[in-house]
Amino acid sequence: MVTPALTEKKHTNVFFSTVFSLPLSPQFFEYRVWNPFRSKLAAAILGGADEIHMKPSSRVLYLGAASDTTVSHVSDLIRPTGVVDAVEFSHRSGRYLVNMAKKRTNVIPIIEDARHPAKYMLVGMVDVIFSDARIVALNASYFLKVSGNFVIFIKANCIDSTIPAKVVFQSEVVF
């Protein structure tokens, strides 16, 4: 899967060229490879998820942003007028996130514990909450717009690798 994006040093870049209506004026477009084995969101899209609720100009609260890989792709999806509020607890991962945000002005890195949303109340109301953790409901009560959505991913072996994935999903998803 490839997405249009800013150049990132650690990502493989693929270049495509095309010619617009003006003769002899080629335009080049750069795309980054979005690895579905490193990003649950990319895997969901490739797996057929038809609605991820992240459109241009969306405001996204990304909980558990880690270093920057999927956050940078979400940044691309919602550019140029969207905003990603990227919350990450780890200071080490947070440093990568801060450095990436220097190039991507629509990413606001927040180095804080997502279990305590009152500590980052600077975040306004959001269109989408993206997370792979149980903290979605708590954060939704603070930040999610009335008409907002959330996208949650559950990686069973990160929750409990000693029991079958089906059992993990049944215990995590309550309707």
Protein backbone atom coordinates (compact mmCIF):
# COMPACT_ATOMS: atom_id res chain seq x y z
CA MET A 1 0.00 0.00 0.00
CA VAL A 2 1.40 3.44 -0.82
CA THR A 3 0.28 6.86 0.38
CA PRO A 4 1.24 10.35 -0.78
CA ALA A 5 3.47 11.90 1.84
CA LEU A 6 6.36 13.97 3.01
CA THR A 7 9.74 12.26 2.81
CA GLU A 8 10.62 10.28 5.91
CA LYS A 9 14.19 8.99 6.25
CA LYS A 10 13.32 5.57 7.63
CA HIS A 11 10.56 4.81 5.13
CA THR A 12 10.91 3.42 1.64
CA ASN A 13 9.86 6.03 -0.87
CA VAL A 14 8.38 5.24 -4.26
CA PHE A 15 8.31 7.83 -7.02
CA PHE A 16 5.71 8.08 -9.76
CA SER A 17 5.73 10.60 -12.55
CA THR A 18 3.04 11.95 -14.79
CA VAL A 19 2.65 14.69 -17.36
CA PHE A 20 -0.08 17.30 -17.04
CA SER A 21 -1.62 19.28 -19.90
CA LEU A 22 1.45 21.44 -20.46
CA PRO A 23 3.81 19.68 -22.87
CA LEU A 24 7.24 18.81 -21.56
CA SER A 25 6.42 19.71 -17.94
CA PRO A 26 6.60 16.47 -15.95
CA GLN A 27 5.37 16.52 -12.37
CA PHE A 28 6.69 14.06 -9.82
CA PHE A 29 4.70 12.65 -6.94
CA GLU A 30 6.30 10.93 -4.00
CA TYR A 31 4.62 8.07 -2.16
CA ARG A 32 5.68 6.19 0.96
CA VAL A 33 5.13 2.49 1.44
CA TRP A 34 2.67 1.90 4.30
CA ASN A 35 3.51 -1.52 5.69
CA PRO A 36 0.42 -3.38 6.95
CA PHE A 37 2.67 -5.61 9.08
CA ARG A 38 3.80 -2.54 11.06
CA SER A 39 0.51 -0.63 11.14
CA LYS A 40 -2.86 -1.97 12.27
CA LEU A 41 -4.58 0.87 10.43
CA ALA A 42 -2.89 -0.04 7.13
CA ALA A 43 -3.79 -3.69 7.72
CA ALA A 44 -7.43 -2.74 8.32
CA ILE A 45 -7.60 -0.69 5.14
CA LEU A 46 -6.02 -3.46 3.07
CA GLY A 47 -8.32 -5.95 4.79
CA GLY A 48 -11.36 -4.09 3.55
CA ALA A 49 -12.29 -1.60 6.27
CA ASP A 50 -14.55 0.71 4.34
CA GLU A 51 -14.74 3.59 6.81
CA ILE A 52 -11.90 4.82 9.02
CA HIS A 53 -13.52 8.26 9.53
CA MET A 54 -10.26 10.13 8.83
CA LYS A 55 -10.88 12.61 6.04
CA PRO A 56 -9.12 15.80 4.98
CA SER A 57 -9.61 18.50 7.64
CA SER A 58 -10.54 15.98 10.38
CA ARG A 59 -9.24 16.45 13.89
CA VAL A 60 -7.91 13.12 15.18
CA LEU A 61 -6.97 12.21 18.74
CA TYR A 62 -4.42 9.42 18.37
CA LEU A 63 -3.88 7.57 21.66
CA GLY A 64 -0.72 5.49 21.98
CA ALA A 65 1.03 7.22 19.10
CA ALA A 66 4.39 5.46 19.68
CA SER A 67 7.28 6.83 17.66
CA ASP A 68 5.62 8.15 14.51
CA THR A 69 4.98 5.59 11.81
CA THR A 70 1.18 5.38 11.65
CA VAL A 71 0.81 8.93 13.00
CA SER A 72 2.67 10.26 9.96
CA HIS A 73 0.31 8.38 7.63
CA VAL A 74 -2.75 9.71 9.48
CA SER A 75 -1.18 13.16 9.09
CA ASP A 76 -1.07 12.57 5.33
CA LEU A 77 -4.70 11.39 5.22
CA ILE A 78 -6.07 14.53 6.87
CA ARG A 79 -3.79 17.17 5.33
CA PRO A 80 -3.65 20.01 4.61
CA THR A 81 -6.13 21.38 7.14
CA GLY A 82 -6.59 18.48 9.56
CA VAL A 83 -4.89 18.07 12.93
CA VAL A 84 -3.55 15.00 14.74
CA ASP A 85 -3.27 15.31 18.53
CA ALA A 86 -0.81 12.45 19.13
CA VAL A 87 -0.64 11.24 22.75
CA GLU A 88 2.28 9.04 23.79
CA PHE A 89 3.38 8.14 27.32
CA SER A 90 6.94 6.97 26.55
CA HIS A 91 9.48 9.78 26.57
CA ARG A 92 11.77 7.87 24.21
CA SER A 93 9.03 7.35 21.60
CA GLY A 94 7.89 10.88 22.31
CA ARG A 95 11.24 12.27 21.14
CA TYR A 96 10.74 10.65 17.72
CA LEU A 97 7.20 11.98 17.66
CA VAL A 98 8.36 15.53 18.45
CA ASN A 99 11.02 15.39 15.73
CA MET A 100 8.50 14.15 13.17
CA ALA A 101 6.07 16.92 14.18
CA LYS A 102 8.70 19.52 13.32
CA LYS A 103 8.22 18.56 9.66
CA ARG A 104 4.49 17.89 9.90
CA THR A 105 2.88 20.97 11.29
CA ASN A 106 -0.52 19.30 11.55
CA VAL A 107 0.76 16.90 14.25
CA ILE A 108 0.66 18.06 17.86
CA PRO A 109 2.78 15.71 20.00
CA ILE A 110 1.54 15.28 23.57
CA ILE A 111 3.88 13.35 25.88
CA GLU A 112 1.42 12.28 28.53
CA ASP A 113 -0.43 9.26 29.94
CA ALA A 114 -3.67 8.74 27.98
CA ARG A 115 -5.27 7.29 31.11
CA HIS A 116 -5.31 10.86 32.46
CA PRO A 117 -6.92 13.07 29.79
CA ALA A 118 -7.33 15.94 32.24
CA LYS A 119 -3.56 16.43 31.92
CA TYR A 120 -3.85 17.37 28.24
CA MET A 121 -7.06 19.36 28.20
CA LEU A 122 -5.56 21.67 25.54
CA VAL A 123 -6.99 19.22 23.01
CA GLY A 124 -10.25 20.51 21.59
CA MET A 125 -13.20 18.44 20.48
CA VAL A 126 -12.22 15.85 17.88
CA ASP A 127 -13.89 14.12 14.95
CA VAL A 128 -12.14 10.77 15.48
CA ILE A 129 -10.35 8.98 18.29
CA PHE A 130 -7.88 6.35 17.11
CA SER A 131 -6.50 3.87 19.60
CA ASP A 132 -5.61 0.28 20.19
CA ALA A 133 -6.22 0.56 23.91
CA ARG A 134 -9.05 0.48 26.46
CA ILE A 135 -8.74 4.20 27.09
CA VAL A 136 -11.03 5.20 24.23
CA ALA A 137 -14.19 5.55 26.37
CA LEU A 138 -12.49 7.74 28.96
CA ASN A 139 -11.02 10.05 26.32
CA ALA A 140 -14.27 10.11 24.33
CA SER A 141 -16.07 11.55 27.34
CA TYR A 142 -13.65 14.49 27.29
CA PHE A 143 -12.96 15.10 23.60
CA LEU A 144 -15.25 13.32 21.11
CA LYS A 145 -17.76 15.50 19.28
CA VAL A 146 -21.41 14.44 19.50
CA SER A 147 -21.28 13.29 15.87
CA GLY A 148 -17.73 11.92 16.22
CA ASN A 149 -16.45 8.39 15.72
CA PHE A 150 -13.72 6.21 17.09
CA VAL A 151 -11.55 3.54 15.54
CA ILE A 152 -10.21 0.94 17.94
CA PHE A 153 -7.88 -1.92 17.13
CA ILE A 154 -7.34 -4.90 19.35
CA LYS A 155 -4.19 -6.93 18.97
CA ALA A 156 -5.02 -10.00 21.00
CA ASN A 157 -1.49 -11.14 21.80
CA CYS A 158 -0.66 -7.69 23.26
CA ILE A 159 -3.47 -8.13 25.78
CA ASP A 160 -2.97 -11.79 26.66
CA SER A 161 -0.87 -14.17 24.58
CA THR A 162 -1.73 -17.17 26.76
CA ILE A 163 -5.35 -17.51 25.65
CA PRO A 164 -6.96 -17.82 22.19
CA ALA A 165 -7.51 -14.55 20.33
CA LYS A 166 -11.27 -15.20 20.10
CA VAL A 167 -11.50 -15.24 23.91
CA VAL A 168 -9.54 -11.96 24.13
CA PHE A 169 -11.83 -10.26 21.61
CA GLN A 170 -14.95 -11.44 23.44
CA SER A 171 -13.64 -10.06 26.73
CA GLU A 172 -12.58 -6.72 25.21
CA VAL A 173 -15.55 -5.91 22.99
CA VAL A 174 -18.77 -5.26 24.88
CA PHE A 175 -21.82 -4.06 22.92
